[in-house]
Structure formats: structure tokens, C-alpha cells
Amino acid sequence: MLRRTKILATLGPASDKPGVLEALFEAGIDVVRMNFSHGIAQDHIDRAAAVRALSKKTGRLVGILCDLQGPKIRIAKFKDTKVWLDEGQAFALDINLAAEAGNTEEVGITYEPLAQEVQTGSRLLLDDGRIVLDVVSTNGKRIECTVHVGGYLSNNKGINLQGGGLSAAALTEKDKEDIKTIGVIGADFVAVSFPRCAEDLHEARRLLEAEDCYAGIVSKVERAEAIEAMDEIILASDVVMVARGDLGVEIGDANLPAVQKKLISRSRDLNRAVITATQMMESMIENPIPTRAEVFDIANAVHDGTDAVMLSAETASGNYPVQAVKAMANICQETEKQRSVRESKHRLDHQFSRIDEAISMSAMYLANHSNVNGIATLTESGSTALWMSRISSGIPIYAFSSHKKTLGRVTIYRGVFPVYFTHESMDHVNVNNEILAKLKKRGLAKKGDTFIITKGDLTGEEGGTNALKVVVLGEGLTP
């Protein structure tokens, strides 16, 4: 049984160790994530080259996602690296304080407009909500606070405003420079951090296209404002990421489960892929097995229909990167065996305005209601594979394409597996035979298996899928 839910693994020092990237490939990663919050441009270029070399060596295409840092609002540094804050004590944030002059009474900040964007009674959450400050007053560029929840606070921790409302632009000057590096890499996906509206994503797309990069845009939903503009942001994206860290801080952790389910459901309704991220197996940074709660978290995301689940520090800097991928893959595959995960009512009451979309939906209905072993879709842009992947199923979908951009894009779609394919014949029987022969050679099909093949009369034309054929391997066909 092929695992349908895709696994994103973040690369970093742990994966740079000899043999680890190869082991991650063998463990089943589908897409790698380059976190541009860490490292230098050459680090990301070298890692991307290593991934591409392994994809070529193994014959297994792994996609590349570059994650922009975005406007992470942080405190500055302390003289002694960290301080202890007591509940009820006074503590100030001051843009004018020297970058390394923080102490138990005050610390500098990196975001100059913060004092103008908060007011008395605002609640600031530092270090992913571990430290909570209530704003007492603002004076110029200084914010006087009372510690609501205390504890240790160390250098460069993030700041969130509960309920959202900070005006920091989604794309910083650093992001715009990093987009040039991403153009060199030729990434399959680019994640935009902290988008507030569709225009933030449109701007990122324009900047990428100026670098001759046509990567899929991933919107990281991590601001409260993004929830209010949910449909607008989803439609402006190619992929949606439920980024539960900052989002949980802004809207409150208790609200996260319902929002996660809604984001997954709505993304699928609007024909977009969706990633569930943040702390999915965080205990495996230090331990070789996940907690029961983490197992349930991953299984619930799979059950809700997420296309992909993501590992962050677990594979970038953890002690057990390969074990984390193996454990996640096992949880996904076991969850996918449940009948309820393979059933779908997606768009049953919709009419389709496009023939290629109607063919895609017909193929999935046929596959789910007959004895079919797989679907092969000959695709120029990857759209037919995306539409098919919105239908819950246990049937593998093989996306055949000669375009590297398309093959990279489908690596993240649930239940879709990329297959590089070129053909010279325009004869439909010959093309069908070549498709089946390719599947057989890869060990994905055997004599007697039934496959659905979709393609267009005019092969090579985007949006031209208009044919569906059911074939049995070995019955009157060359393979």
C-alpha cells in the first residue's frame, strides 16, 4: 500500500551529517523544506543541489520548498543571555535600548512601530506564549508592561499581539533578497510567512516571476487577520500551510483545532493543497519515539484530509531525524487504512464548467466504485492530478509529465506520485501502452491490473484533458 499523505522534512545541521539525507529519502520524505530563517544563501543552494542529485540517483523525485522568514518581530538581547521574570513585576520593551543591554527591567525590540500599534490593556505574548505581558502604557517608543505569566526569557524571542493587528509587511527586505537565491535554486514551492491578504501573495509571485521562478506559492496562515480573510488567501495560494505556532499564540491554542479543521476543509473545497505543520513530533527532537498525543495529532490531520504533514526541528536539528520520518510515515499509512479516510463526498452537488475537471472527477468516482488498481493521468500543468487528489480515496494517482515544474508541484498532492514521461507517438493506443509499460517497469503494475488513463486528444496542450479509458494490463496491450 502506497502512503498517500506526503511528508515534508526540514533540512538543517542534522540532515547535513553524512548519510542522513540518503536515509531520509529511504524513510520516505516527499518534499524538503529550506528554512530561510537560518543559515546563509550558500547553505540552501548546496542542500538543494544535494536533494536534486539524490533524486536523480534514486529515481525518486523529492520536491523543494523554500520558506521565507517574514516579519518575525523579536526582542533584542540580554546582557546575560536570559533573565527570570516574576509574575506581577514591571518590565519594559524599548526600541531605543541598545541591542545587547537587556536586563530584568527592560529589553530592546526589533520592530519600531510596536509602541504605536498597541494600547493600554493589549496583551503581548513572547516566546510562543511562554511569557505574557500586559501593556500598562506607551511612551514614545517605549512600552511599559506588567508580567502576567513569568519565567525565563532569553535572547531574540518572538513577540505576538494577542488577537493580531500588527501592520508589519509580509515580505521584508531580507525576503526580497532571499527570493533571488530561490530563483537560483529553482524551488518547487515558496512559503510566504505572515500574509494578511491576497496581495501579499501576489507580490511574492511577481517577485519570483521576475527571477524566472514559477514556484507554487504556499501561504503560511499564522496571523489572526488571515483567518478573517481565509477564502481570499486560499484562492491566492497554490498551497496553504496551517502554521500552528504563531497562529496559536495569536488566536489562542484552544481555538486551533477548529481552525485547523476549517482550513483543511476549505482548502480542499477550493481545490488547493494543504500542509499541517508545527510541533507534530517535537518530542522526537530528543527521544526516539513519539508521544501518544503526537500520534493522535498526526492521525487526526490525515483523517481531516491534509495533503502533507511537516517536520521542523525534528529533522533539521534533532537527534533522531530518520526515526521521526519513519514514525510519521507509519502513522500516516496506518490511518489511511481506515475506511472513513478513503470515503469522499467532495463536490457531489457541483456542476463542472471545465471538461478536464469533469474528467478528473469522473475518474475518481469510477476508481472508488470499481476494482481499479491505479490512475494514470497525462498532465501538462498538474491540474488533473490536483483535482483528483481532492477526492478521498485509497487508489494511487500517477501524474505522467515531461515538465519538471509540474512533477515538482505534484510531490505535495495527497495520493499523487510523479512519473517523468515523454512520448513521440500521437497514437492513443501506443501512448497507453507506453504508460502501462512505465508502470510495470517501476513495479507499480502487474499483468491483470486495471488502470484508468486520462489524457487529451491533443497531447501537449494545457487544459486539454478530455478522454478517460479503462485498460487491463496484458489484455491486447503490449505490456
Protein backbone atom coordinates (compact mmCIF):
# COMPACT_ATOMS: atom_id res chain seq x y z
CA MET A 1 0.00 0.00 0.00
CA LEU A 2 1.44 3.36 -1.06
CA ARG A 3 1.29 6.09 1.58
CA ARG A 4 -0.87 8.92 0.25
CA THR A 5 -0.19 11.65 2.83
CA LYS A 6 3.05 13.45 1.98
CA ILE A 7 5.87 14.18 4.43
CA LEU A 8 7.83 17.45 4.45
CA ALA A 9 11.17 17.32 6.22
CA THR A 10 13.09 20.47 7.15
CA LEU A 11 16.80 20.33 6.35
CA GLY A 12 19.49 21.61 8.69
CA PRO A 13 22.62 20.58 10.58
CA ALA A 14 21.17 17.18 11.49
CA SER A 15 20.36 16.28 7.90
CA ASP A 16 23.78 17.57 6.74
CA LYS A 17 25.56 14.74 8.55
CA PRO A 18 26.99 12.05 6.26
CA GLY A 19 24.39 9.55 5.09
CA VAL A 20 21.40 11.23 6.78
CA LEU A 21 19.84 12.78 3.67
CA GLU A 22 20.07 9.43 1.89
CA ALA A 23 18.43 7.77 4.88
CA LEU A 24 15.63 10.38 4.84
CA PHE A 25 15.00 9.54 1.18
CA GLU A 26 14.78 5.85 2.05
CA ALA A 27 12.49 6.62 5.01
CA GLY A 28 10.01 8.26 2.65
CA ILE A 29 10.28 12.06 2.55
CA ASP A 30 8.34 13.64 -0.31
CA VAL A 31 9.35 17.31 -0.03
CA VAL A 32 12.23 19.04 1.76
CA ARG A 33 11.91 22.43 3.42
CA MET A 34 14.67 25.04 3.41
CA ASN A 35 14.11 27.40 6.34
CA PHE A 36 15.44 30.82 5.34
CA SER A 37 15.23 31.99 8.96
CA HIS A 38 18.52 30.13 9.45
CA GLY A 39 21.74 29.78 7.53
CA ILE A 40 23.17 31.64 4.54
CA ALA A 41 22.28 31.51 0.87
CA GLN A 42 25.00 29.03 0.00
CA ASP A 43 23.73 26.60 2.65
CA HIS A 44 20.37 26.42 0.89
CA ILE A 45 21.88 26.22 -2.58
CA ASP A 46 24.13 23.32 -1.51
CA ARG A 47 21.27 21.44 0.16
CA ALA A 48 19.03 21.86 -2.87
CA ALA A 49 21.81 20.52 -5.10
CA ALA A 50 22.22 17.50 -2.81
CA VAL A 51 18.48 16.80 -2.95
CA ARG A 52 18.41 17.01 -6.74
CA ALA A 53 21.44 14.75 -7.03
CA LEU A 54 19.78 12.13 -4.83
CA SER A 55 16.51 12.42 -6.75
CA LYS A 56 18.42 11.67 -9.94
CA LYS A 57 20.39 8.85 -8.32
CA THR A 58 17.38 7.13 -6.76
CA GLY A 59 14.84 7.90 -9.49
CA ARG A 60 12.54 9.27 -6.78
CA LEU A 61 11.63 12.93 -7.17
CA VAL A 62 11.58 14.91 -3.92
CA GLY A 63 10.20 18.45 -4.08
CA ILE A 64 11.91 21.55 -2.67
CA LEU A 65 10.07 24.15 -0.57
CA CYS A 66 11.84 27.38 0.40
CA ASP A 67 10.34 29.06 3.48
CA LEU A 68 10.80 32.82 3.75
CA GLN A 69 11.46 34.24 7.21
CA GLY A 70 8.93 37.05 7.03
CA PRO A 71 8.50 39.84 9.59
CA LYS A 72 9.33 37.94 12.74
CA ILE A 73 9.01 40.57 15.48
CA ARG A 74 11.50 39.88 18.24
CA ILE A 75 13.01 41.23 21.41
CA ALA A 76 16.73 42.05 21.31
CA LYS A 77 19.36 40.51 23.61
CA PHE A 78 20.14 40.46 27.32
CA LYS A 79 23.49 41.24 28.94
CA ASP A 80 23.46 37.77 30.50
CA THR A 81 21.68 35.88 27.66
CA LYS A 82 18.50 35.34 29.68
CA VAL A 83 16.56 36.72 32.65
CA TRP A 84 13.89 35.49 35.04
CA LEU A 85 10.64 37.47 35.11
CA ASP A 86 8.31 37.26 38.12
CA GLU A 87 4.55 37.45 37.76
CA GLY A 88 3.34 40.96 38.59
CA GLN A 89 6.66 42.73 38.13
CA ALA A 90 7.19 45.70 35.81
CA PHE A 91 9.00 45.08 32.54
CA ALA A 92 9.50 47.35 29.52
CA LEU A 93 10.13 46.93 25.79
CA ASP A 94 12.12 49.81 24.34
CA ILE A 95 13.21 50.35 20.72
CA ASN A 96 15.88 52.83 21.88
CA LEU A 97 17.61 50.38 24.22
CA ALA A 98 20.95 49.05 22.98
CA ALA A 99 20.68 45.69 21.22
CA GLU A 100 22.51 43.74 23.96
CA ALA A 101 21.58 45.82 27.02
CA GLY A 102 18.53 43.86 28.21
CA ASN A 103 18.10 43.11 31.92
CA THR A 104 15.36 42.12 34.38
CA GLU A 105 13.67 45.52 33.94
CA GLU A 106 13.76 46.10 30.17
CA VAL A 107 14.85 44.78 26.79
CA GLY A 108 15.18 46.20 23.28
CA ILE A 109 12.89 45.27 20.37
CA THR A 110 13.42 44.98 16.60
CA TYR A 111 10.06 46.36 15.41
CA GLU A 112 9.97 50.14 15.69
CA PRO A 113 6.19 50.76 15.24
CA LEU A 114 5.23 48.38 18.08
CA ALA A 115 4.58 51.16 20.60
CA GLN A 116 2.18 52.84 18.15
CA GLU A 117 0.28 49.61 17.42
CA VAL A 118 -0.52 48.56 21.00
CA GLN A 119 -2.55 50.29 23.65
CA THR A 120 -3.26 50.05 27.34
CA GLY A 121 -4.74 46.63 28.01
CA SER A 122 -3.12 44.95 24.99
CA ARG A 123 -1.57 41.57 25.71
CA LEU A 124 1.83 40.68 24.27
CA LEU A 125 2.94 37.07 24.03
CA LEU A 126 6.66 36.34 23.94
CA ASP A 127 8.49 33.10 23.13
CA ASP A 128 5.40 31.40 21.63
CA GLY A 129 3.26 32.49 24.57
CA ARG A 130 5.51 31.21 27.34
CA ILE A 131 5.88 34.77 28.64
CA VAL A 132 2.80 37.04 28.74
CA LEU A 133 2.96 40.81 29.22
CA ASP A 134 0.04 43.20 29.77
CA VAL A 135 0.59 46.70 28.37
CA VAL A 136 0.23 49.40 31.02
CA SER A 137 1.21 52.43 28.93
CA THR A 138 3.24 53.58 25.94
CA ASN A 139 5.65 56.49 25.88
CA GLY A 140 7.19 57.34 22.51
CA LYS A 141 8.94 54.12 21.52
CA ARG A 142 8.81 52.51 24.96
CA ILE A 143 6.10 50.10 26.15
CA GLU A 144 5.60 49.74 29.92
CA CYS A 145 4.18 46.34 30.88
CA THR A 146 3.26 44.11 33.78
CA VAL A 147 4.30 40.46 33.68
CA HIS A 148 1.14 38.33 33.54
CA VAL A 149 2.92 34.99 33.08
CA GLY A 150 6.57 34.87 34.09
CA GLY A 151 9.54 32.57 33.64
CA TYR A 152 12.85 32.59 31.82
CA LEU A 153 13.13 34.91 28.81
CA SER A 154 16.19 34.63 26.56
CA ASN A 155 17.63 36.47 23.56
CA ASN A 156 15.77 37.14 20.30
CA LYS A 157 12.43 35.57 21.25
CA GLY A 158 9.41 36.38 19.12
CA ILE A 159 6.63 38.81 20.03
CA ASN A 160 2.95 38.38 19.10
CA LEU A 161 -0.02 40.62 19.81
CA GLN A 162 -2.93 38.56 21.06
CA GLY A 163 -5.75 38.85 18.55
CA GLY A 164 -3.39 40.13 15.85
CA GLY A 165 -3.30 43.61 14.38
CA LEU A 166 0.38 44.36 13.84
CA SER A 167 0.99 46.03 10.49
CA ALA A 168 4.38 44.53 9.59
CA ALA A 169 4.58 43.78 5.86
CA ALA A 170 4.64 40.08 4.96
CA LEU A 171 7.71 40.47 2.73
CA THR A 172 10.77 42.07 4.29
CA GLU A 173 13.89 43.33 2.52
CA LYS A 174 15.61 40.13 3.59
CA ASP A 175 12.82 38.09 1.97
CA LYS A 176 13.22 40.01 -1.28
CA GLU A 177 16.95 39.22 -1.32
CA ASP A 178 16.24 35.59 -0.46
CA ILE A 179 13.84 35.36 -3.42
CA LYS A 180 16.87 35.95 -5.66
CA THR A 181 18.53 32.90 -4.09
CA ILE A 182 15.32 30.93 -4.55
CA GLY A 183 15.43 31.84 -8.23
CA VAL A 184 18.90 30.28 -8.43
CA ILE A 185 17.66 27.16 -6.65
CA GLY A 186 14.57 26.87 -8.85
CA ALA A 187 12.34 25.80 -5.96
CA ASP A 188 9.09 23.94 -6.46
CA PHE A 189 7.35 25.86 -3.66
CA VAL A 190 7.92 29.13 -1.79
CA ALA A 191 6.27 29.72 1.58
CA VAL A 192 5.25 33.28 2.47
CA SER A 193 5.25 33.93 6.21
CA PHE A 194 2.59 36.04 7.96
CA PRO A 195 0.45 37.03 4.94
CA ARG A 196 -2.51 39.26 5.85
CA CYS A 197 -4.27 39.36 2.49
CA ALA A 198 -4.13 38.10 -1.09
CA GLU A 199 -1.92 40.98 -2.22
CA ASP A 200 0.94 39.75 -0.01
CA LEU A 201 0.90 36.51 -2.00
CA HIS A 202 0.50 38.24 -5.36
CA GLU A 203 3.55 40.37 -4.56
CA ALA A 204 5.62 37.29 -3.76
CA ARG A 205 4.53 35.69 -7.04
CA ARG A 206 5.52 38.80 -9.02
CA LEU A 207 8.95 38.92 -7.37
CA LEU A 208 9.54 35.23 -8.07
CA GLU A 209 8.48 35.53 -11.70
CA ALA A 210 10.94 38.41 -12.09
CA GLU A 211 13.62 35.84 -11.16
CA ASP A 212 12.18 33.42 -13.75
CA CYS A 213 10.88 31.20 -10.94
CA TYR A 214 7.32 29.88 -11.16
CA ALA A 215 7.18 28.01 -7.88
CA GLY A 216 3.88 27.26 -6.18
CA ILE A 217 3.01 29.85 -3.53
CA VAL A 218 2.46 28.48 -0.02
CA SER A 219 0.57 30.81 2.33
CA LYS A 220 1.53 30.23 5.95
CA VAL A 221 -1.60 31.01 7.93
CA GLU A 222 -0.21 32.35 11.20
CA ARG A 223 -1.94 35.69 11.75
CA ALA A 224 -5.39 36.24 13.22
CA GLU A 225 -6.16 38.52 10.26
CA ALA A 226 -5.51 35.62 7.88
CA ILE A 227 -8.39 33.67 9.40
CA GLU A 228 -10.74 36.56 8.71
CA ALA A 229 -9.52 36.65 5.07
CA MET A 230 -9.43 32.86 4.76
CA ASP A 231 -11.01 32.35 1.32
CA GLU A 232 -9.15 35.30 -0.20
CA ILE A 233 -5.80 33.93 0.98
CA ILE A 234 -6.56 30.34 -0.03
CA LEU A 235 -7.56 31.36 -3.55
CA ALA A 236 -4.39 33.44 -3.95
CA SER A 237 -2.28 30.43 -2.94
CA ASP A 238 -1.30 27.15 -4.55
CA VAL A 239 -0.83 25.52 -1.15
CA VAL A 240 -1.98 26.53 2.34
CA MET A 241 0.09 25.81 5.46
CA VAL A 242 -1.61 25.60 8.85
CA ALA A 243 1.30 27.15 10.77
CA ARG A 244 0.15 26.39 14.27
CA GLY A 245 2.92 28.11 16.23
CA ASP A 246 2.33 31.83 15.77
CA LEU A 247 -1.31 31.22 14.83
CA GLY A 248 -1.95 29.51 18.15
CA VAL A 249 -0.32 32.36 20.00
CA GLU A 250 -2.48 34.97 18.26
CA ILE A 251 -5.87 33.22 18.37
CA GLY A 252 -5.32 31.06 21.46
CA ASP A 253 -4.40 27.36 21.45
CA ALA A 254 -7.92 26.30 22.42
CA ASN A 255 -9.20 27.72 19.11
CA LEU A 256 -6.58 25.96 16.98
CA PRO A 257 -8.25 22.54 16.44
CA ALA A 258 -11.43 24.01 14.96
CA VAL A 259 -9.47 26.47 12.81
CA GLN A 260 -7.16 23.71 11.57
CA LYS A 261 -10.12 21.56 10.52
CA LYS A 262 -11.75 24.50 8.77
CA LEU A 263 -8.57 25.44 6.91
CA ILE A 264 -8.07 21.87 5.70
CA SER A 265 -11.69 21.52 4.65
CA ARG A 266 -11.90 24.90 2.96
CA SER A 267 -8.60 24.45 1.12
CA ARG A 268 -9.81 21.16 -0.30
CA ASP A 269 -13.18 22.68 -1.24
CA LEU A 270 -11.35 25.39 -3.18
CA ASN A 271 -9.00 22.90 -4.88
CA ARG A 272 -5.84 23.86 -3.02
CA ALA A 273 -3.34 21.59 -1.32
CA VAL A 274 -2.81 21.98 2.43
CA ILE A 275 0.06 21.29 4.85
CA THR A 276 -0.32 20.79 8.60
CA ALA A 277 2.78 21.99 10.47
CA THR A 278 4.40 22.82 13.81
CA GLN A 279 5.27 20.55 16.73
CA MET A 280 3.84 17.44 15.10
CA MET A 281 6.55 15.22 16.59
CA GLU A 282 8.50 17.70 18.68
CA SER A 283 9.31 15.18 21.42
CA MET A 284 11.40 13.28 18.84
CA ILE A 285 13.95 16.08 18.81
CA GLU A 286 15.25 14.41 21.95
CA ASN A 287 13.51 10.99 22.03
CA PRO A 288 13.48 8.05 19.58
CA ILE A 289 9.70 7.51 19.76
CA PRO A 290 6.76 9.96 19.62
CA THR A 291 4.27 10.60 22.38
CA ARG A 292 0.76 9.19 22.12
CA ALA A 293 -0.56 12.74 21.78
CA GLU A 294 1.67 13.30 18.75
CA VAL A 295 0.44 10.06 17.18
CA PHE A 296 -3.15 11.22 17.59
CA ASP A 297 -2.30 14.70 16.24
CA ILE A 298 -0.88 13.30 13.00
CA ALA A 299 -3.69 10.77 12.61
CA ASN A 300 -6.33 13.48 13.06
CA ALA A 301 -4.71 15.67 10.39
CA VAL A 302 -4.63 12.71 8.00
CA HIS A 303 -8.24 11.89 8.79
CA ASP A 304 -9.25 15.51 8.11
CA GLY A 305 -7.68 15.33 4.65
CA THR A 306 -4.38 17.20 4.91
CA ASP A 307 -2.16 16.71 1.88
CA ALA A 308 1.04 16.79 3.89
CA VAL A 309 2.40 16.79 7.42
CA MET A 310 5.60 18.63 8.26
CA LEU A 311 8.64 18.04 10.44
CA SER A 312 10.68 21.06 11.54
CA ALA A 313 13.43 20.80 14.17
CA GLU A 314 12.81 17.06 14.34
CA THR A 315 14.78 16.59 11.10
CA ALA A 316 16.70 19.89 10.96
CA SER A 317 18.44 19.73 14.33
CA GLY A 318 17.03 16.78 16.25
CA ASN A 319 18.80 13.66 17.43
CA TYR A 320 16.53 11.22 15.57
CA PRO A 321 15.69 12.68 12.14
CA VAL A 322 15.33 9.37 10.29
CA GLN A 323 13.32 7.75 13.07
CA ALA A 324 10.98 10.76 13.07
CA VAL A 325 10.23 10.33 9.34
CA LYS A 326 9.74 6.58 9.71
CA ALA A 327 7.38 7.03 12.66
CA MET A 328 5.38 9.71 10.83
CA ALA A 329 5.15 7.58 7.69
CA ASN A 330 3.89 4.62 9.71
CA ILE A 331 1.21 6.68 11.47
CA CYS A 332 0.01 8.14 8.15
CA GLN A 333 -0.14 4.76 6.45
CA GLU A 334 -1.99 3.07 9.30
CA THR A 335 -4.51 5.92 9.47
CA GLU A 336 -5.10 5.73 5.72
CA LYS A 337 -6.26 2.12 6.10
CA GLN A 338 -9.42 3.32 7.84
CA ARG A 339 -12.43 3.21 5.53
CA SER A 340 -13.63 6.65 6.64
CA VAL A 341 -10.37 8.19 5.38
CA ARG A 342 -10.97 6.80 1.87
CA GLU A 343 -14.60 7.95 1.53
CA SER A 344 -15.46 11.26 -0.12
CA LYS A 345 -18.45 13.49 -0.73
CA HIS A 346 -16.36 16.21 -2.33
CA ARG A 347 -18.35 18.31 -4.81
CA LEU A 348 -21.12 15.75 -5.28
CA ASP A 349 -23.63 18.57 -5.74
CA HIS A 350 -21.49 20.70 -8.08
CA GLN A 351 -21.60 21.13 -11.83
CA PHE A 352 -18.27 21.35 -13.64
CA SER A 353 -17.67 24.12 -16.14
CA ARG A 354 -14.44 22.56 -17.45
CA ILE A 355 -14.21 19.27 -19.33
CA ASP A 356 -10.80 18.41 -17.84
CA GLU A 357 -12.13 18.86 -14.29
CA ALA A 358 -15.19 16.75 -15.10
CA ILE A 359 -12.93 14.00 -16.47
CA SER A 360 -10.85 14.14 -13.27
CA MET A 361 -13.92 13.81 -11.05
CA SER A 362 -15.31 11.01 -13.23
CA ALA A 363 -12.05 9.09 -12.96
CA MET A 364 -12.13 9.26 -9.17
CA TYR A 365 -15.79 8.24 -8.96
CA LEU A 366 -15.09 5.28 -11.22
CA ALA A 367 -11.96 4.33 -9.26
CA ASN A 368 -13.75 4.46 -5.91
CA HIS A 369 -16.69 2.37 -7.15
CA SER A 370 -14.93 -0.36 -9.11
CA ASN A 371 -11.97 -2.70 -8.88
CA VAL A 372 -9.25 -0.35 -10.09
CA ASN A 373 -5.58 -0.63 -9.12
CA GLY A 374 -4.48 2.87 -10.08
CA ILE A 375 -4.99 6.01 -12.15
CA ALA A 376 -2.51 7.40 -14.66
CA THR A 377 -3.11 10.99 -15.74
CA LEU A 378 -1.09 12.52 -18.54
CA THR A 379 -0.81 16.13 -17.41
CA GLU A 380 0.82 19.32 -18.62
CA SER A 381 0.16 21.61 -15.64
CA GLY A 382 -0.72 19.10 -12.91
CA SER A 383 -4.31 20.36 -12.63
CA THR A 384 -5.95 16.99 -13.29
CA ALA A 385 -3.78 15.39 -10.60
CA LEU A 386 -4.71 18.16 -8.14
CA TRP A 387 -8.44 17.79 -8.80
CA MET A 388 -8.23 14.03 -8.43
CA SER A 389 -6.33 14.36 -5.17
CA ARG A 390 -9.19 16.38 -3.64
CA ILE A 391 -11.28 13.18 -3.66
CA SER A 392 -10.60 10.91 -0.69
CA SER A 393 -9.53 7.52 -1.99
CA GLY A 394 -7.21 4.59 -1.50
CA ILE A 395 -6.30 4.48 -5.20
CA PRO A 396 -2.83 5.79 -6.20
CA ILE A 397 -2.73 8.57 -8.80
CA TYR A 398 0.30 8.64 -11.10
CA ALA A 399 0.97 12.03 -12.70
CA PHE A 400 2.78 11.49 -16.01
CA SER A 401 4.51 14.60 -17.34
CA SER A 402 7.61 15.72 -19.21
CA HIS A 403 7.68 19.04 -17.31
CA LYS A 404 9.96 19.18 -14.27
CA LYS A 405 7.93 22.08 -12.85
CA THR A 406 4.75 20.01 -12.96
CA LEU A 407 6.42 16.93 -11.47
CA GLY A 408 7.84 19.02 -8.63
CA ARG A 409 4.44 20.58 -7.97
CA VAL A 410 2.59 17.26 -7.59
CA THR A 411 5.03 15.95 -4.96
CA ILE A 412 2.90 17.64 -2.32
CA TYR A 413 -0.53 16.48 -3.53
CA ARG A 414 -2.12 13.77 -1.43
CA GLY A 415 -2.08 10.39 -3.15
CA VAL A 416 -0.27 11.68 -6.27
CA PHE A 417 3.07 10.26 -7.41
CA PRO A 418 5.17 11.95 -10.13
CA VAL A 419 6.37 9.96 -13.15
CA TYR A 420 8.65 11.52 -15.76
CA PHE A 421 7.26 10.63 -19.16
CA THR A 422 7.94 11.64 -22.75
CA HIS A 423 6.49 10.13 -25.90
CA GLU A 424 6.77 10.72 -29.61
CA SER A 425 3.76 8.74 -30.81
CA MET A 426 0.44 10.53 -31.24
CA ASP A 427 -1.41 7.23 -31.47
CA HIS A 428 -3.56 6.78 -28.36
CA VAL A 429 -3.09 3.02 -28.16
CA ASN A 430 0.68 3.40 -28.35
CA VAL A 431 0.66 6.10 -25.66
CA ASN A 432 -1.48 3.90 -23.40
CA ASN A 433 0.95 1.03 -23.93
CA GLU A 434 3.91 3.26 -23.05
CA ILE A 435 2.18 4.44 -19.86
CA LEU A 436 1.44 0.87 -18.75
CA ALA A 437 4.95 -0.28 -19.65
CA LYS A 438 6.38 2.52 -17.48
CA LEU A 439 4.23 1.49 -14.52
CA LYS A 440 5.17 -2.16 -14.98
CA LYS A 441 8.89 -1.35 -15.19
CA ARG A 442 8.66 0.54 -11.89
CA GLY A 443 6.93 -2.36 -10.20
CA LEU A 444 3.71 -0.36 -9.83
CA ALA A 445 1.59 -2.63 -12.03
CA LYS A 446 1.39 -6.30 -13.00
CA LYS A 447 -0.49 -8.39 -15.51
CA GLY A 448 -4.23 -8.34 -14.85
CA ASP A 449 -4.22 -4.98 -13.04
CA THR A 450 -6.88 -2.47 -14.09
CA PHE A 451 -5.90 1.16 -14.65
CA ILE A 452 -7.76 4.33 -15.55
CA ILE A 453 -5.88 6.54 -18.01
CA THR A 454 -6.82 10.18 -18.62
CA LYS A 455 -5.30 12.41 -21.29
CA GLY A 456 -6.15 14.83 -24.06
CA ASP A 457 -6.71 14.26 -27.76
CA LEU A 458 -4.09 16.93 -28.37
CA THR A 459 -1.25 15.84 -26.12
CA GLY A 460 0.99 18.69 -25.01
CA GLU A 461 -1.88 21.15 -24.69
CA GLU A 462 -2.55 22.53 -21.20
CA GLY A 463 -6.16 22.12 -20.09
CA GLY A 464 -6.88 19.67 -22.90
CA THR A 465 -7.72 16.51 -20.94
CA ASN A 466 -10.91 15.17 -22.48
CA ALA A 467 -10.53 11.39 -22.57
CA LEU A 468 -10.86 8.61 -19.99
CA LYS A 469 -10.08 4.98 -20.75
CA VAL A 470 -10.12 1.83 -18.58
CA VAL A 471 -7.43 -0.67 -19.52
CA VAL A 472 -6.34 -4.05 -18.19
CA LEU A 473 -2.63 -4.77 -18.25
CA GLY A 474 -1.89 -7.65 -20.63
CA GLU A 475 -5.24 -7.75 -22.40
CA GLY A 476 -4.47 -6.95 -26.01
CA LEU A 477 -1.80 -4.43 -25.00
CA THR A 478 1.95 -4.82 -25.45
CA PRO A 479 2.91 -4.80 -21.72
